Amino acid sequence: VSGGDAGVPENRNDQERNTILDLGCGTGTLTELLARLGYDMIG
C-alpha cells in the first residue's frame, strides 16, 4: 500500500489488464472463445 492508490499504478497498461493466461489450455477451445471476446490470450 502506497498512499491512496494501494500500490496500483495510476496509468496501468490497458493491454496488461486485458491479458488472460489460460493455464492448462489443452487444445485451446476455451482460449479461442476468450480471444474472440477481445481478450489478449496466452495459453
All heavy atoms as atom14 arrays in JSON, in Angstrom:
{
  "sequence": "VSGGDAGVPENRNDQERNTILDLGCGTGTLTELLARLGYDMIG",
  "atom14_mask": [
    [1, 1, 1, 1, 1, 1, 1, 0, 0, 0, 0, 0, 0, 0],
    [1, 1, 1, 1, 1, 1, 0, 0, 0, 0, 0, 0, 0, 0],
    [1, 1, 1, 1, 0, 0, 0, 0, 0, 0, 0, 0, 0, 0],
    [1, 1, 1, 1, 0, 0, 0, 0, 0, 0, 0, 0, 0, 0],
    [1, 1, 1, 1, 1, 1, 1, 1, 0, 0, 0, 0, 0, 0],
    [1, 1, 1, 1, 1, 0, 0, 0, 0, 0, 0, 0, 0, 0],
    [1, 1, 1, 1, 0, 0, 0, 0, 0, 0, 0, 0, 0, 0],
    [1, 1, 1, 1, 1, 1, 1, 0, 0, 0, 0, 0, 0, 0],
    [1, 1, 1, 1, 1, 1, 1, 0, 0, 0, 0, 0, 0, 0],
    [1, 1, 1, 1, 1, 1, 1, 1, 1, 0, 0, 0, 0, 0],
    [1, 1, 1, 1, 1, 1, 1, 1, 0, 0, 0, 0, 0, 0],
    [1, 1, 1, 1, 1, 1, 1, 1, 1, 1, 1, 0, 0, 0],
    [1, 1, 1, 1, 1, 1, 1, 1, 0, 0, 0, 0, 0, 0],
    [1, 1, 1, 1, 1, 1, 1, 1, 0, 0, 0, 0, 0, 0],
    [1, 1, 1, 1, 1, 1, 1, 1, 1, 0, 0, 0, 0, 0],
    [1, 1, 1, 1, 1, 1, 1, 1, 1, 0, 0, 0, 0, 0],
    [1, 1, 1, 1, 1, 1, 1, 1, 1, 1, 1, 0, 0, 0],
    [1, 1, 1, 1, 1, 1, 1, 1, 0, 0, 0, 0, 0, 0],
    [1, 1, 1, 1, 1, 1, 1, 0, 0, 0, 0, 0, 0, 0],
    [1, 1, 1, 1, 1, 1, 1, 1, 0, 0, 0, 0, 0, 0],
    [1, 1, 1, 1, 1, 1, 1, 1, 0, 0, 0, 0, 0, 0],
    [1, 1, 1, 1, 1, 1, 1, 1, 0, 0, 0, 0, 0, 0],
    [1, 1, 1, 1, 1, 1, 1, 1, 0, 0, 0, 0, 0, 0],
    [1, 1, 1, 1, 0, 0, 0, 0, 0, 0, 0, 0, 0, 0],
    [1, 1, 1, 1, 1, 1, 0, 0, 0, 0, 0, 0, 0, 0],
    [1, 1, 1, 1, 0, 0, 0, 0, 0, 0, 0, 0, 0, 0],
    [1, 1, 1, 1, 1, 1, 1, 0, 0, 0, 0, 0, 0, 0],
    [1, 1, 1, 1, 0, 0, 0, 0, 0, 0, 0, 0, 0, 0],
    [1, 1, 1, 1, 1, 1, 1, 0, 0, 0, 0, 0, 0, 0],
    [1, 1, 1, 1, 1, 1, 1, 1, 0, 0, 0, 0, 0, 0],
    [1, 1, 1, 1, 1, 1, 1, 0, 0, 0, 0, 0, 0, 0],
    [1, 1, 1, 1, 1, 1, 1, 1, 1, 0, 0, 0, 0, 0],
    [1, 1, 1, 1, 1, 1, 1, 1, 0, 0, 0, 0, 0, 0],
    [1, 1, 1, 1, 1, 1, 1, 1, 0, 0, 0, 0, 0, 0],
    [1, 1, 1, 1, 1, 0, 0, 0, 0, 0, 0, 0, 0, 0],
    [1, 1, 1, 1, 1, 1, 1, 1, 1, 1, 1, 0, 0, 0],
    [1, 1, 1, 1, 1, 1, 1, 1, 0, 0, 0, 0, 0, 0],
    [1, 1, 1, 1, 0, 0, 0, 0, 0, 0, 0, 0, 0, 0],
    [1, 1, 1, 1, 1, 1, 1, 1, 1, 1, 1, 1, 0, 0],
    [1, 1, 1, 1, 1, 1, 1, 1, 0, 0, 0, 0, 0, 0],
    [1, 1, 1, 1, 1, 1, 1, 1, 0, 0, 0, 0, 0, 0],
    [1, 1, 1, 1, 1, 1, 1, 1, 0, 0, 0, 0, 0, 0],
    [1, 1, 1, 1, 0, 0, 0, 0, 0, 0, 0, 0, 0, 0]
  ],
  "atom14_positions": [
    [[0.84, -1.19, 0.0], [0.0, 0.0, 0.0], [0.88, 1.24, 0.0], [1.8, 1.36, 0.8], [-0.94, 0.0, 1.23], [-1.78, 1.26, 1.24], [-1.82, -1.23, 1.2], [0.0, 0.0, 0.0], [0.0, 0.0, 0.0], [0.0, 0.0, 0.0], [0.0, 0.0, 0.0], [0.0, 0.0, 0.0], [0.0, 0.0, 0.0], [0.0, 0.0, 0.0]],
    [[0.58, 2.16, -0.91], [1.36, 3.38, -1.01], [0.41, 4.55, -1.18], [-0.12, 4.79, -2.26], [2.34, 3.31, -2.18], [3.01, 4.53, -2.35], [0.0, 0.0, 0.0], [0.0, 0.0, 0.0], [0.0, 0.0, 0.0], [0.0, 0.0, 0.0], [0.0, 0.0, 0.0], [0.0, 0.0, 0.0], [0.0, 0.0, 0.0], [0.0, 0.0, 0.0]],
    [[0.14, 5.24, -0.09], [-0.81, 6.33, -0.16], [-2.2, 5.83, -0.45], [-2.61, 4.77, -0.01], [0.0, 0.0, 0.0], [0.0, 0.0, 0.0], [0.0, 0.0, 0.0], [0.0, 0.0, 0.0], [0.0, 0.0, 0.0], [0.0, 0.0, 0.0], [0.0, 0.0, 0.0], [0.0, 0.0, 0.0], [0.0, 0.0, 0.0], [0.0, 0.0, 0.0]],
    [[-2.96, 6.59, -1.27], [-4.34, 6.24, -1.5], [-4.54, 5.27, -2.64], [-5.65, 4.8, -2.85], [0.0, 0.0, 0.0], [0.0, 0.0, 0.0], [0.0, 0.0, 0.0], [0.0, 0.0, 0.0], [0.0, 0.0, 0.0], [0.0, 0.0, 0.0], [0.0, 0.0, 0.0], [0.0, 0.0, 0.0], [0.0, 0.0, 0.0], [0.0, 0.0, 0.0]],
    [[-3.48, 4.95, -3.4], [-3.71, 4.12, -4.59], [-3.39, 2.66, -4.35], [-3.46, 1.85, -5.28], [-2.9, 4.64, -5.79], [-1.4, 4.47, -5.61], [-0.98, 3.95, -4.55], [-0.66, 4.84, -6.53], [0.0, 0.0, 0.0], [0.0, 0.0, 0.0], [0.0, 0.0, 0.0], [0.0, 0.0, 0.0], [0.0, 0.0, 0.0], [0.0, 0.0, 0.0]],
    [[-3.06, 2.26, -3.12], [-2.85, 0.87, -2.75], [-1.84, 0.17, -3.62], [-1.9, -1.01, -3.85], [-4.18, 0.1, -2.81], [0.0, 0.0, 0.0], [0.0, 0.0, 0.0], [0.0, 0.0, 0.0], [0.0, 0.0, 0.0], [0.0, 0.0, 0.0], [0.0, 0.0, 0.0], [0.0, 0.0, 0.0], [0.0, 0.0, 0.0], [0.0, 0.0, 0.0]],
    [[-0.88, 0.9, -4.13], [0.16, 0.26, -4.92], [-0.26, -0.06, -6.33], [0.48, -0.68, -7.08], [0.0, 0.0, 0.0], [0.0, 0.0, 0.0], [0.0, 0.0, 0.0], [0.0, 0.0, 0.0], [0.0, 0.0, 0.0], [0.0, 0.0, 0.0], [0.0, 0.0, 0.0], [0.0, 0.0, 0.0], [0.0, 0.0, 0.0], [0.0, 0.0, 0.0]],
    [[-1.48, 0.34, -6.73], [-1.96, 0.08, -8.09], [-1.56, 1.25, -8.97], [-1.91, 2.4, -8.68], [-3.49, -0.1, -8.11], [-3.96, -0.39, -9.53], [-3.89, -1.21, -7.17], [0.0, 0.0, 0.0], [0.0, 0.0, 0.0], [0.0, 0.0, 0.0], [0.0, 0.0, 0.0], [0.0, 0.0, 0.0], [0.0, 0.0, 0.0], [0.0, 0.0, 0.0]],
    [[-0.82, 1.04, -10.04], [-0.35, 2.14, -10.87], [-1.49, 2.99, -11.39], [-2.54, 2.48, -11.78], [0.37, 1.43, -12.03], [0.74, 0.1, -11.48], [-0.35, -0.26, -10.52], [0.0, 0.0, 0.0], [0.0, 0.0, 0.0], [0.0, 0.0, 0.0], [0.0, 0.0, 0.0], [0.0, 0.0, 0.0], [0.0, 0.0, 0.0], [0.0, 0.0, 0.0]],
    [[-1.29, 4.29, -11.4], [-2.33, 5.22, -11.86], [-2.62, 4.99, -13.34], [-3.76, 5.03, -13.77], [-1.86, 6.66, -11.63], [-2.88, 7.7, -12.08], [-4.12, 7.7, -11.21], [-4.0, 7.42, -10.01], [-5.21, 7.97, -11.76], [0.0, 0.0, 0.0], [0.0, 0.0, 0.0], [0.0, 0.0, 0.0], [0.0, 0.0, 0.0], [0.0, 0.0, 0.0]],
    [[-1.58, 4.74, -14.14], [-1.74, 4.56, -15.57], [-1.39, 3.12, -15.97], [-0.52, 2.88, -16.78], [-0.83, 5.55, -16.33], [-1.23, 6.98, -16.03], [-2.4, 7.33, -16.11], [-0.24, 7.8, -15.67], [0.0, 0.0, 0.0], [0.0, 0.0, 0.0], [0.0, 0.0, 0.0], [0.0, 0.0, 0.0], [0.0, 0.0, 0.0], [0.0, 0.0, 0.0]],
    [[-2.07, 2.19, -15.33], [-1.79, 0.79, -15.63], [-2.03, 0.5, -17.11], [-3.01, 0.94, -17.7], [-2.69, -0.11, -14.77], [-2.48, -1.59, -15.03], [-3.45, -2.42, -14.22], [-3.2, -2.21, -12.82], [-4.13, -2.37, -11.87], [-5.35, -2.7, -12.2], [-3.84, -2.18, -10.61], [0.0, 0.0, 0.0], [0.0, 0.0, 0.0], [0.0, 0.0, 0.0]],
    [[-1.15, -0.28, -17.67], [-1.24, -0.63, -19.08], [-2.53, -1.4, -19.35], [-2.77, -2.45, -18.79], [-0.02, -1.48, -19.45], [0.09, -1.71, -20.94], [-0.8, -2.26, -21.55], [1.2, -1.29, -21.5], [0.0, 0.0, 0.0], [0.0, 0.0, 0.0], [0.0, 0.0, 0.0], [0.0, 0.0, 0.0], [0.0, 0.0, 0.0], [0.0, 0.0, 0.0]],
    [[-3.38, -0.85, -20.22], [-4.66, -1.49, -20.51], [-4.48, -2.87, -21.13], [-5.28, -3.77, -20.9], [-5.5, -0.61, -21.44], [-6.03, 0.63, -20.73], [-6.1, 0.6, -19.48], [-6.37, 1.6, -21.42], [0.0, 0.0, 0.0], [0.0, 0.0, 0.0], [0.0, 0.0, 0.0], [0.0, 0.0, 0.0], [0.0, 0.0, 0.0], [0.0, 0.0, 0.0]],
    [[-3.44, -3.01, -21.95], [-3.22, -4.3, -22.59], [-2.87, -5.36, -21.55], [-3.35, -6.48, -21.62], [-2.1, -4.21, -23.62], [-1.87, -5.52, -24.38], [-0.85, -5.38, -25.48], [-0.3, -4.31, -25.69], [-0.61, -6.46, -26.2], [0.0, 0.0, 0.0], [0.0, 0.0, 0.0], [0.0, 0.0, 0.0], [0.0, 0.0, 0.0], [0.0, 0.0, 0.0]],
    [[-2.06, -5.0, -20.57], [-1.72, -5.94, -19.5], [-2.98, -6.35, -18.74], [-3.18, -7.51, -18.44], [-0.72, -5.28, -18.55], [-0.31, -6.15, -17.37], [0.58, -5.4, -16.4], [0.1, -4.43, -15.77], [1.75, -5.77, -16.27], [0.0, 0.0, 0.0], [0.0, 0.0, 0.0], [0.0, 0.0, 0.0], [0.0, 0.0, 0.0], [0.0, 0.0, 0.0]],
    [[-3.82, -5.38, -18.44], [-5.05, -5.66, -17.72], [-5.97, -6.58, -18.53], [-6.71, -7.38, -17.96], [-5.77, -4.34, -17.41], [-7.06, -4.48, -16.6], [-7.68, -3.11, -16.4], [-8.93, -3.19, -15.65], [-9.0, -3.17, -14.33], [-7.9, -3.1, -13.62], [-10.17, -3.23, -13.73], [0.0, 0.0, 0.0], [0.0, 0.0, 0.0], [0.0, 0.0, 0.0]],
    [[-5.9, -6.47, -19.84], [-6.79, -7.24, -20.71], [-6.22, -8.62, -21.05], [-6.86, -9.42, -21.72], [-7.02, -6.47, -22.02], [-8.16, -7.02, -22.83], [-9.28, -7.12, -22.34], [-7.88, -7.39, -24.07], [0.0, 0.0, 0.0], [0.0, 0.0, 0.0], [0.0, 0.0, 0.0], [0.0, 0.0, 0.0], [0.0, 0.0, 0.0], [0.0, 0.0, 0.0]],
    [[-5.01, -8.92, -20.59], [-4.37, -10.19, -20.93], [-4.77, -11.27, -19.94], [-4.71, -11.06, -18.73], [-2.84, -10.05, -20.95], [-2.48, -9.05, -21.91], [-2.17, -11.37, -21.32], [0.0, 0.0, 0.0], [0.0, 0.0, 0.0], [0.0, 0.0, 0.0], [0.0, 0.0, 0.0], [0.0, 0.0, 0.0], [0.0, 0.0, 0.0], [0.0, 0.0, 0.0]],
    [[-5.15, -12.42, -20.47], [-5.52, -13.56, -19.64], [-4.63, -14.74, -19.98], [-4.41, -15.05, -21.15], [-7.0, -13.95, -19.85], [-7.93, -12.83, -19.4], [-7.34, -15.23, -19.09], [-9.41, -13.13, -19.63], [0.0, 0.0, 0.0], [0.0, 0.0, 0.0], [0.0, 0.0, 0.0], [0.0, 0.0, 0.0], [0.0, 0.0, 0.0], [0.0, 0.0, 0.0]],
    [[-4.13, -15.39, -18.97], [-3.38, -16.64, -19.13], [-4.31, -17.81, -18.9], [-4.94, -17.92, -17.83], [-2.21, -16.69, -18.14], [-1.51, -18.04, -17.99], [-0.86, -18.48, -19.3], [-0.47, -18.0, -16.87], [0.0, 0.0, 0.0], [0.0, 0.0, 0.0], [0.0, 0.0, 0.0], [0.0, 0.0, 0.0], [0.0, 0.0, 0.0], [0.0, 0.0, 0.0]],
    [[-4.41, -18.7, -19.89], [-5.17, -19.94, -19.76], [-4.16, -21.02, -19.39], [-3.41, -21.51, -20.24], [-5.88, -20.25, -21.07], [-6.82, -21.46, -20.96], [-6.89, -22.06, -19.88], [-7.46, -21.79, -21.98], [0.0, 0.0, 0.0], [0.0, 0.0, 0.0], [0.0, 0.0, 0.0], [0.0, 0.0, 0.0], [0.0, 0.0, 0.0], [0.0, 0.0, 0.0]],
    [[-4.15, -21.41, -18.12], [-3.15, -22.34, -17.59], [-3.68, -23.77, -17.69], [-4.67, -24.13, -17.06], [-2.85, -21.98, -16.13], [-1.61, -22.57, -15.47], [-0.34, -22.24, -16.24], [-1.51, -22.1, -14.03], [0.0, 0.0, 0.0], [0.0, 0.0, 0.0], [0.0, 0.0, 0.0], [0.0, 0.0, 0.0], [0.0, 0.0, 0.0], [0.0, 0.0, 0.0]],
    [[-3.01, -24.59, -18.5], [-3.52, -25.92, -18.81], [-4.55, -25.82, -19.91], [-5.66, -26.35, -19.82], [0.0, 0.0, 0.0], [0.0, 0.0, 0.0], [0.0, 0.0, 0.0], [0.0, 0.0, 0.0], [0.0, 0.0, 0.0], [0.0, 0.0, 0.0], [0.0, 0.0, 0.0], [0.0, 0.0, 0.0], [0.0, 0.0, 0.0], [0.0, 0.0, 0.0]],
    [[-4.17, -25.13, -20.99], [-5.13, -24.75, -22.04], [-5.55, -25.91, -22.94], [-6.51, -25.8, -23.69], [-4.55, -23.63, -22.89], [-3.05, -24.09, -23.8], [0.0, 0.0, 0.0], [0.0, 0.0, 0.0], [0.0, 0.0, 0.0], [0.0, 0.0, 0.0], [0.0, 0.0, 0.0], [0.0, 0.0, 0.0], [0.0, 0.0, 0.0], [0.0, 0.0, 0.0]],
    [[-4.8, -27.02, -22.92], [-5.16, -28.16, -23.76], [-5.16, -27.82, -25.24], [-4.21, -27.22, -25.75], [0.0, 0.0, 0.0], [0.0, 0.0, 0.0], [0.0, 0.0, 0.0], [0.0, 0.0, 0.0], [0.0, 0.0, 0.0], [0.0, 0.0, 0.0], [0.0, 0.0, 0.0], [0.0, 0.0, 0.0], [0.0, 0.0, 0.0], [0.0, 0.0, 0.0]],
    [[-6.24, -28.16, -25.92], [-6.32, -27.9, -27.36], [-6.83, -26.5, -27.69], [-7.11, -26.21, -28.85], [-7.24, -28.94, -28.04], [-8.57, -28.83, -27.49], [-6.72, -30.35, -27.83], [0.0, 0.0, 0.0], [0.0, 0.0, 0.0], [0.0, 0.0, 0.0], [0.0, 0.0, 0.0], [0.0, 0.0, 0.0], [0.0, 0.0, 0.0], [0.0, 0.0, 0.0]],
    [[-6.95, -25.65, -26.68], [-7.21, -24.23, -26.92], [-8.65, -23.85, -27.22], [-8.89, -22.71, -27.65], [0.0, 0.0, 0.0], [0.0, 0.0, 0.0], [0.0, 0.0, 0.0], [0.0, 0.0, 0.0], [0.0, 0.0, 0.0], [0.0, 0.0, 0.0], [0.0, 0.0, 0.0], [0.0, 0.0, 0.0], [0.0, 0.0, 0.0], [0.0, 0.0, 0.0]],
    [[-9.61, -24.7, -26.94], [-11.0, -24.35, -27.25], [-11.46, -23.15, -26.44], [-12.0, -22.18, -26.98], [-11.93, -25.55, -26.99], [-11.52, -26.65, -27.81], [-13.37, -25.19, -27.33], [0.0, 0.0, 0.0], [0.0, 0.0, 0.0], [0.0, 0.0, 0.0], [0.0, 0.0, 0.0], [0.0, 0.0, 0.0], [0.0, 0.0, 0.0], [0.0, 0.0, 0.0]],
    [[-11.25, -23.2, -25.12], [-11.64, -22.08, -24.28], [-10.78, -20.85, -24.56], [-11.28, -19.72, -24.58], [-11.52, -22.46, -22.8], [-11.89, -21.36, -21.8], [-13.38, -21.03, -21.89], [-11.52, -21.78, -20.38], [0.0, 0.0, 0.0], [0.0, 0.0, 0.0], [0.0, 0.0, 0.0], [0.0, 0.0, 0.0], [0.0, 0.0, 0.0], [0.0, 0.0, 0.0]],
    [[-9.51, -21.06, -24.83], [-8.61, -19.96, -25.14], [-9.12, -19.18, -26.34], [-9.12, -17.94, -26.35], [-7.19, -20.5, -25.45], [-6.9, -21.62, -24.61], [-6.15, -19.43, -25.24], [0.0, 0.0, 0.0], [0.0, 0.0, 0.0], [0.0, 0.0, 0.0], [0.0, 0.0, 0.0], [0.0, 0.0, 0.0], [0.0, 0.0, 0.0], [0.0, 0.0, 0.0]],
    [[-9.56, -19.89, -27.36], [-10.08, -19.24, -28.56], [-11.37, -18.48, -28.27], [-11.58, -17.37, -28.77], [-10.33, -20.28, -29.65], [-9.07, -20.89, -30.23], [-8.94, -20.67, -31.73], [-9.96, -20.44, -32.39], [-7.79, -20.69, -32.23], [0.0, 0.0, 0.0], [0.0, 0.0, 0.0], [0.0, 0.0, 0.0], [0.0, 0.0, 0.0], [0.0, 0.0, 0.0]],
    [[-12.25, -19.05, -27.45], [-13.5, -18.37, -27.13], [-13.24, -17.05, -26.42], [-13.88, -16.03, -26.71], [-14.37, -19.27, -26.25], [-15.0, -20.49, -26.94], [-15.66, -21.39, -25.91], [-16.02, -20.05, -27.99], [0.0, 0.0, 0.0], [0.0, 0.0, 0.0], [0.0, 0.0, 0.0], [0.0, 0.0, 0.0], [0.0, 0.0, 0.0], [0.0, 0.0, 0.0]],
    [[-12.3, -17.05, -25.48], [-11.97, -15.81, -24.77], [-11.3, -14.8, -25.7], [-11.55, -13.6, -25.62], [-11.07, -16.13, -23.58], [-11.76, -16.83, -22.4], [-10.73, -17.39, -21.42], [-12.72, -15.88, -21.68], [0.0, 0.0, 0.0], [0.0, 0.0, 0.0], [0.0, 0.0, 0.0], [0.0, 0.0, 0.0], [0.0, 0.0, 0.0], [0.0, 0.0, 0.0]],
    [[-10.47, -15.3, -26.61], [-9.82, -14.41, -27.58], [-10.86, -13.75, -28.49], [-10.73, -12.57, -28.84], [-8.8, -15.19, -28.4], [0.0, 0.0, 0.0], [0.0, 0.0, 0.0], [0.0, 0.0, 0.0], [0.0, 0.0, 0.0], [0.0, 0.0, 0.0], [0.0, 0.0, 0.0], [0.0, 0.0, 0.0], [0.0, 0.0, 0.0], [0.0, 0.0, 0.0]],
    [[-11.88, -14.48, -28.87], [-12.93, -13.93, -29.73], [-13.7, -12.81, -29.03], [-14.31, -11.95, -29.68], [-13.89, -15.03, -30.17], [-13.29, -16.02, -31.16], [-14.3, -17.07, -31.58], [-13.68, -18.1, -32.41], [-13.41, -17.98, -33.7], [-13.72, -16.85, -34.33], [-12.85, -18.97, -34.37], [0.0, 0.0, 0.0], [0.0, 0.0, 0.0], [0.0, 0.0, 0.0]],
    [[-13.69, -12.83, -27.69], [-14.37, -11.79, -26.93], [-13.49, -10.55, -26.74], [-13.91, -9.58, -26.12], [-14.79, -12.33, -25.56], [-15.88, -13.41, -25.58], [-16.15, -13.92, -24.17], [-17.17, -12.87, -26.2], [0.0, 0.0, 0.0], [0.0, 0.0, 0.0], [0.0, 0.0, 0.0], [0.0, 0.0, 0.0], [0.0, 0.0, 0.0], [0.0, 0.0, 0.0]],
    [[-12.27, -10.6, -27.26], [-11.41, -9.43, -27.22], [-10.3, -9.47, -26.21], [-9.52, -8.5, -26.11], [0.0, 0.0, 0.0], [0.0, 0.0, 0.0], [0.0, 0.0, 0.0], [0.0, 0.0, 0.0], [0.0, 0.0, 0.0], [0.0, 0.0, 0.0], [0.0, 0.0, 0.0], [0.0, 0.0, 0.0], [0.0, 0.0, 0.0], [0.0, 0.0, 0.0]],
    [[-10.19, -10.56, -25.46], [-9.09, -10.67, -24.5], [-7.79, -11.05, -25.23], [-7.81, -11.8, -26.21], [-9.4, -11.73, -23.44], [-10.53, -11.37, -22.52], [-11.8, -11.92, -22.7], [-10.35, -10.48, -21.46], [-12.85, -11.6, -21.85], [-11.4, -10.15, -20.61], [-12.65, -10.71, -20.82], [-13.69, -10.38, -19.98], [0.0, 0.0, 0.0], [0.0, 0.0, 0.0]],
    [[-6.68, -10.53, -24.75], [-5.37, -10.95, -25.25], [-5.0, -12.23, -24.52], [-4.84, -12.22, -23.3], [-4.33, -9.86, -24.97], [-4.63, -8.57, -25.71], [-4.99, -8.65, -26.9], [-4.53, -7.49, -25.1], [0.0, 0.0, 0.0], [0.0, 0.0, 0.0], [0.0, 0.0, 0.0], [0.0, 0.0, 0.0], [0.0, 0.0, 0.0], [0.0, 0.0, 0.0]],
    [[-4.85, -13.31, -25.26], [-4.74, -14.63, -24.63], [-3.34, -15.23, -24.73], [-2.66, -15.12, -25.76], [-5.74, -15.6, -25.27], [-7.2, -15.24, -25.04], [-7.65, -15.1, -23.28], [-7.22, -16.74, -22.67], [0.0, 0.0, 0.0], [0.0, 0.0, 0.0], [0.0, 0.0, 0.0], [0.0, 0.0, 0.0], [0.0, 0.0, 0.0], [0.0, 0.0, 0.0]],
    [[-2.94, -15.85, -23.63], [-1.76, -16.71, -23.58], [-2.23, -18.08, -23.11], [-2.99, -18.18, -22.14], [-0.7, -16.17, -22.59], [-0.27, -14.75, -22.98], [0.51, -17.1, -22.53], [0.61, -14.08, -21.93], [0.0, 0.0, 0.0], [0.0, 0.0, 0.0], [0.0, 0.0, 0.0], [0.0, 0.0, 0.0], [0.0, 0.0, 0.0], [0.0, 0.0, 0.0]],
    [[-1.78, -19.12, -23.78], [-2.13, -20.48, -23.37], [-0.88, -21.26, -23.01], [0.1, -21.24, -23.76], [0.0, 0.0, 0.0], [0.0, 0.0, 0.0], [0.0, 0.0, 0.0], [0.0, 0.0, 0.0], [0.0, 0.0, 0.0], [0.0, 0.0, 0.0], [0.0, 0.0, 0.0], [0.0, 0.0, 0.0], [0.0, 0.0, 0.0], [0.0, 0.0, 0.0]]
  ]
}
